[in-house]
Amino acid sequence: MLSPDELERYARHIVLRDVGGPGQAALKRASVLVIGAGGLGAPALMYLAAAGVGTLGVVDDDVVSLSNLQRQVIHTTPDIGRHKVESAAERIAALNPHVRFVGHATWLNADNALSLIGDYDLVLDGSDNFSTRYLVSDACFFAKKPLITAALGTFDGSLTTIRAHEKTADGAFNPTYRCLFPEAPPPGTVPACAEAGVMGALAGVLGSMMALEAIREIVGFGDGLVGRLLMIDARAMRFETLRYTRDPANPLNGDGPVITDLSAHRT
């Protein structure tokens, strides 16, 4: 049940035909884990908290630095030096006291991924490296959790939803992250944002779209991004969508899967 305060807070959602009271109640019951409280995770967390997602978890072992503040809008100047999960918790509590926040000040790895992800209904990956993206996507497959994953470039970004543990109407598995990106690019070929730079407002756009896709997944309206990659070109202000399908040769849920656990992610 929604309290009188919640009914007023979420009034603009509740009057939406595709959300309503049942949709808002679903948001209140939901739990979402966000990987990274950085450029993508920051706006996603704020909009998910504002939307009334009942439980928000964040995995991030980093501390706030001055260079983060150009795009990581959940943190402020006085937060410099604090753990990101601490400053995020403070901002979310101020924004919406009805949200339960769980901070995991740790580095996601093969040993803790399944236990962390298993406690949540939905995962948002806003990490900034391929090793974490592959780990999160594989862990979500084994934990049977839907995943919304995004990547941010200098003036470009992409977003998709992965439900590789589920099957289509014809009995085939949905595509995995590995169907879209079979292999990570060689080390050094994709520069980090500290080297190449990143447009702060673009992080806000893409992070907000992650939150929108999460809300859509929870409430159940419209058409999701399973099997579709949304691409943003900020220079041309262009949005395009690419369809992709399951690769029978992919090593996770292909015809002859060879990845059966997370041991390959251990270093």
Protein backbone atom coordinates (compact mmCIF):
# COMPACT_ATOMS: atom_id res chain seq x y z
CA MET A 1 0.00 0.00 0.00
CA LEU A 2 1.11 3.54 -0.74
CA SER A 3 0.95 6.06 2.08
CA PRO A 4 -0.75 9.45 1.62
CA ASP A 5 2.69 11.03 1.31
CA GLU A 6 3.67 8.54 -1.39
CA LEU A 7 0.41 9.08 -3.25
CA GLU A 8 1.21 12.79 -3.47
CA ARG A 9 4.90 12.25 -4.22
CA TYR A 10 4.20 9.89 -7.12
CA ALA A 11 1.00 11.55 -8.34
CA ARG A 12 2.39 12.28 -11.81
CA HIS A 13 3.25 8.61 -12.24
CA ILE A 14 -0.05 7.37 -10.89
CA VAL A 15 -2.11 9.37 -13.38
CA LEU A 16 -0.14 7.84 -16.25
CA ARG A 17 -2.35 5.19 -17.85
CA ASP A 18 0.57 2.79 -18.33
CA VAL A 19 1.76 3.10 -14.71
CA GLY A 20 -1.09 3.88 -12.33
CA GLY A 21 -1.33 2.65 -8.77
CA PRO A 22 -0.37 -0.96 -9.60
CA GLY A 23 2.72 0.18 -11.49
CA GLN A 24 3.81 2.45 -8.66
CA ALA A 25 3.26 -0.36 -6.17
CA ALA A 26 5.46 -2.59 -8.36
CA LEU A 27 8.21 0.03 -8.22
CA LYS A 28 7.92 0.12 -4.44
CA ARG A 29 8.30 -3.68 -4.24
CA ALA A 30 11.25 -3.77 -6.65
CA SER A 31 14.92 -4.01 -5.82
CA VAL A 32 17.59 -2.79 -8.24
CA LEU A 33 21.36 -3.20 -8.05
CA VAL A 34 23.46 -0.55 -9.80
CA ILE A 35 27.06 -1.39 -10.66
CA GLY A 36 29.01 1.84 -10.24
CA ALA A 37 27.98 5.19 -8.75
CA GLY A 38 29.80 7.09 -11.50
CA GLY A 39 28.81 8.90 -14.67
CA LEU A 40 26.04 6.47 -15.63
CA GLY A 41 25.12 5.17 -12.20
CA ALA A 42 24.72 8.63 -10.64
CA PRO A 43 21.78 9.89 -12.75
CA ALA A 44 20.27 6.39 -12.90
CA LEU A 45 20.25 6.18 -9.10
CA MET A 46 18.69 9.60 -8.68
CA TYR A 47 15.85 8.93 -11.11
CA LEU A 48 15.21 5.45 -9.72
CA ALA A 49 15.07 6.90 -6.20
CA ALA A 50 12.77 9.69 -7.35
CA ALA A 51 10.56 7.10 -9.06
CA GLY A 52 10.10 5.20 -5.81
CA VAL A 53 12.05 1.98 -6.38
CA GLY A 54 11.82 0.30 -2.99
CA THR A 55 15.40 -0.91 -2.61
CA LEU A 56 18.45 0.47 -4.37
CA GLY A 57 21.81 -1.23 -4.03
CA VAL A 58 25.11 0.16 -5.31
CA VAL A 59 28.42 -1.62 -5.83
CA ASP A 60 31.37 0.79 -5.89
CA ASP A 61 34.62 0.77 -3.92
CA ASP A 62 35.87 4.12 -5.21
CA VAL A 63 36.03 7.51 -3.49
CA VAL A 64 34.84 10.82 -4.89
CA SER A 65 37.47 12.92 -6.68
CA LEU A 66 37.23 16.46 -8.02
CA SER A 67 37.35 15.27 -11.64
CA ASN A 68 34.24 13.11 -11.03
CA LEU A 69 32.00 16.10 -10.42
CA GLN A 70 31.82 17.13 -14.08
CA ARG A 71 29.38 14.24 -14.68
CA GLN A 72 28.71 12.25 -11.49
CA VAL A 73 25.85 14.43 -10.30
CA ILE A 74 24.97 12.41 -7.21
CA HIS A 75 28.17 13.64 -5.52
CA THR A 76 29.06 17.21 -4.49
CA THR A 77 32.22 19.16 -3.77
CA PRO A 78 32.13 18.50 0.00
CA ASP A 79 32.02 14.76 -0.77
CA ILE A 80 35.55 14.71 -2.21
CA GLY A 81 37.48 11.92 -0.49
CA ARG A 82 34.36 10.12 0.75
CA HIS A 83 33.33 6.68 -0.46
CA LYS A 84 30.91 7.05 -3.32
CA VAL A 85 28.40 4.70 -1.68
CA GLU A 86 28.33 7.02 1.36
CA SER A 87 27.68 10.21 -0.57
CA ALA A 88 25.15 8.41 -2.79
CA ALA A 89 23.30 7.14 0.29
CA GLU A 90 23.11 10.65 1.70
CA ARG A 91 21.78 12.18 -1.51
CA ILE A 92 19.18 9.44 -2.03
CA ALA A 93 17.94 9.71 1.55
CA ALA A 94 17.49 13.46 1.06
CA LEU A 95 15.68 12.93 -2.24
CA ASN A 96 13.31 10.15 -1.15
CA PRO A 97 13.19 8.79 2.41
CA HIS A 98 10.91 5.96 1.27
CA VAL A 99 13.79 4.27 -0.58
CA ARG A 100 15.96 1.70 1.18
CA PHE A 101 19.58 2.16 0.16
CA VAL A 102 22.22 -0.58 0.43
CA GLY A 103 25.83 0.38 -0.23
CA HIS A 104 28.36 -2.28 -1.19
CA ALA A 105 31.76 -0.59 -0.90
CA THR A 106 33.59 -3.38 -2.64
CA TRP A 107 34.96 -4.34 -6.05
CA LEU A 108 32.68 -6.74 -7.90
CA ASN A 109 34.53 -9.99 -8.61
CA ALA A 110 33.93 -13.64 -9.46
CA ASP A 111 33.70 -14.57 -5.78
CA ASN A 112 31.01 -12.07 -4.72
CA ALA A 113 29.09 -11.38 -7.95
CA LEU A 114 26.46 -14.10 -7.61
CA SER A 115 25.73 -13.38 -3.96
CA LEU A 116 25.40 -9.65 -4.59
CA ILE A 117 23.31 -9.93 -7.73
CA GLY A 118 21.13 -12.69 -6.32
CA ASP A 119 19.60 -10.35 -3.74
CA TYR A 120 18.05 -8.05 -6.37
CA ASP A 121 15.34 -8.21 -9.02
CA LEU A 122 17.15 -6.24 -11.70
CA VAL A 123 20.75 -5.15 -12.40
CA LEU A 124 22.01 -1.97 -14.07
CA ASP A 125 25.63 -2.04 -15.21
CA GLY A 126 27.23 1.37 -15.47
CA SER A 127 30.82 0.13 -15.19
CA ASP A 128 33.58 1.57 -17.34
CA ASN A 129 35.57 -1.52 -18.34
CA PHE A 130 34.95 -4.63 -20.41
CA SER A 131 36.09 -7.15 -17.79
CA THR A 132 33.37 -6.00 -15.39
CA ARG A 133 30.74 -5.92 -18.14
CA TYR A 134 31.43 -9.54 -19.10
CA LEU A 135 31.48 -10.59 -15.45
CA VAL A 136 28.17 -8.86 -14.71
CA SER A 137 26.46 -10.26 -17.80
CA ASP A 138 27.65 -13.82 -17.10
CA ALA A 139 26.65 -13.54 -13.43
CA CYS A 140 23.18 -12.26 -14.35
CA PHE A 141 22.74 -15.27 -16.64
CA PHE A 142 23.59 -17.73 -13.87
CA ALA A 143 21.56 -15.81 -11.28
CA LYS A 144 18.62 -15.56 -13.74
CA LYS A 145 18.39 -11.79 -13.41
CA PRO A 146 17.60 -9.25 -16.15
CA LEU A 147 20.40 -6.83 -16.95
CA ILE A 148 20.38 -3.32 -18.37
CA THR A 149 23.86 -2.46 -19.58
CA ALA A 150 25.20 0.78 -21.05
CA ALA A 151 28.53 2.05 -22.33
CA LEU A 152 29.70 5.62 -22.67
CA GLY A 153 32.24 7.00 -25.12
CA THR A 154 33.46 10.53 -25.72
CA PHE A 155 30.43 11.72 -27.70
CA ASP A 156 28.60 8.41 -28.09
CA GLY A 157 26.85 5.84 -25.99
CA SER A 158 24.88 2.60 -26.20
CA LEU A 159 22.21 0.82 -24.19
CA THR A 160 20.58 -2.61 -24.26
CA THR A 161 18.70 -5.05 -22.04
CA ILE A 162 19.85 -8.64 -21.59
CA ARG A 163 17.51 -11.48 -20.59
CA ALA A 164 19.76 -14.30 -21.75
CA HIS A 165 18.38 -16.71 -19.13
CA GLU A 166 14.91 -16.53 -20.68
CA LYS A 167 13.61 -18.03 -23.91
CA THR A 168 11.65 -16.58 -26.77
CA ALA A 169 8.24 -17.82 -27.91
CA ASP A 170 9.89 -20.35 -30.24
CA GLY A 171 11.93 -21.87 -27.40
CA ALA A 172 15.33 -20.33 -28.16
CA PHE A 173 17.31 -18.40 -25.58
CA ASN A 174 17.46 -14.62 -25.83
CA PRO A 175 20.81 -13.17 -26.95
CA THR A 176 23.60 -12.61 -24.46
CA TYR A 177 26.04 -9.73 -24.12
CA ARG A 178 28.55 -12.08 -25.76
CA CYS A 179 26.28 -12.35 -28.82
CA LEU A 180 26.58 -8.59 -29.21
CA PHE A 181 30.28 -8.33 -28.30
CA PRO A 182 31.92 -11.78 -28.68
CA GLU A 183 35.29 -10.54 -27.46
CA ALA A 184 36.62 -7.51 -25.66
CA PRO A 185 38.83 -5.22 -27.75
CA PRO A 186 42.58 -5.70 -27.24
CA PRO A 187 44.00 -3.84 -24.23
CA GLY A 188 44.89 -0.25 -25.04
CA THR A 189 42.65 0.08 -28.08
CA VAL A 190 39.83 1.79 -26.18
CA PRO A 191 41.22 4.68 -24.11
CA ALA A 192 39.81 5.36 -20.65
CA CYS A 193 37.76 8.51 -20.14
CA ALA A 194 40.69 10.05 -18.22
CA GLU A 195 42.64 9.91 -21.49
CA ALA A 196 39.97 10.49 -24.14
CA GLY A 197 37.51 12.60 -22.15
CA VAL A 198 33.74 12.30 -21.84
CA MET A 199 30.86 14.73 -22.25
CA GLY A 200 29.24 15.07 -18.83
CA ALA A 201 25.74 15.85 -20.08
CA LEU A 202 25.82 12.75 -22.30
CA ALA A 203 26.41 10.62 -19.19
CA GLY A 204 23.29 12.23 -17.76
CA VAL A 205 21.25 11.39 -20.86
CA LEU A 206 22.37 7.77 -21.00
CA GLY A 207 22.11 7.22 -17.24
CA SER A 208 18.57 8.63 -17.28
CA MET A 209 17.69 6.28 -20.13
CA MET A 210 18.99 3.37 -18.07
CA ALA A 211 16.60 4.40 -15.31
CA LEU A 212 13.74 4.73 -17.80
CA GLU A 213 14.39 1.25 -19.17
CA ALA A 214 14.55 -0.12 -15.60
CA ILE A 215 11.21 1.49 -14.74
CA ARG A 216 9.72 0.10 -17.95
CA GLU A 217 11.02 -3.38 -17.08
CA ILE A 218 9.55 -3.22 -13.58
CA VAL A 219 6.16 -1.77 -14.52
CA GLY A 220 5.87 -3.65 -17.80
CA PHE A 221 4.78 -1.04 -20.32
CA GLY A 222 5.97 -0.58 -23.90
CA ASP A 223 8.64 -2.45 -25.83
CA GLY A 224 11.98 -3.13 -24.17
CA LEU A 225 15.50 -3.31 -25.51
CA VAL A 226 15.97 -7.08 -25.43
CA GLY A 227 17.67 -7.90 -28.74
CA ARG A 228 18.02 -4.22 -29.59
CA LEU A 229 21.02 -1.94 -29.11
CA LEU A 230 20.22 1.74 -28.77
CA MET A 231 23.09 3.93 -30.00
CA ILE A 232 23.51 7.65 -29.37
CA ASP A 233 25.64 9.99 -31.45
CA ALA A 234 25.80 13.24 -29.48
CA ARG A 235 27.70 15.12 -32.19
CA ALA A 236 24.90 14.62 -34.70
CA MET A 237 22.12 14.38 -32.08
CA ARG A 238 21.13 11.07 -33.63
CA PHE A 239 19.58 7.99 -32.06
CA GLU A 240 19.65 4.66 -33.89
CA THR A 241 18.58 1.14 -32.95
CA LEU A 242 20.36 -2.01 -34.12
CA ARG A 243 18.70 -5.41 -33.80
CA TYR A 244 20.81 -8.41 -32.80
CA THR A 245 20.02 -12.06 -32.21
CA ARG A 246 21.40 -15.00 -30.30
CA ASP A 247 24.63 -16.41 -31.68
CA PRO A 248 24.42 -20.25 -31.58
CA ALA A 249 28.20 -20.28 -31.15
CA ASN A 250 28.23 -18.01 -28.10
CA PRO A 251 29.91 -19.75 -25.15
CA LEU A 252 27.24 -18.93 -22.55
CA ASN A 253 23.83 -20.11 -23.81
CA GLY A 254 24.82 -21.27 -27.30
CA ASP A 255 24.33 -24.72 -28.74
CA GLY A 256 27.51 -25.95 -27.04
CA PRO A 257 28.03 -23.75 -23.96
CA VAL A 258 31.51 -23.86 -22.44
CA ILE A 259 31.05 -21.19 -19.73
CA THR A 260 29.33 -22.97 -16.85
CA ASP A 261 30.43 -20.79 -13.93
CA LEU A 262 32.42 -17.64 -13.17
CA SER A 263 35.78 -19.31 -12.71
CA ALA A 264 37.16 -17.79 -15.93
CA HIS A 265 36.77 -14.34 -14.35
CA ARG A 266 39.11 -15.16 -11.50
CA THR A 267 42.57 -13.62 -11.91
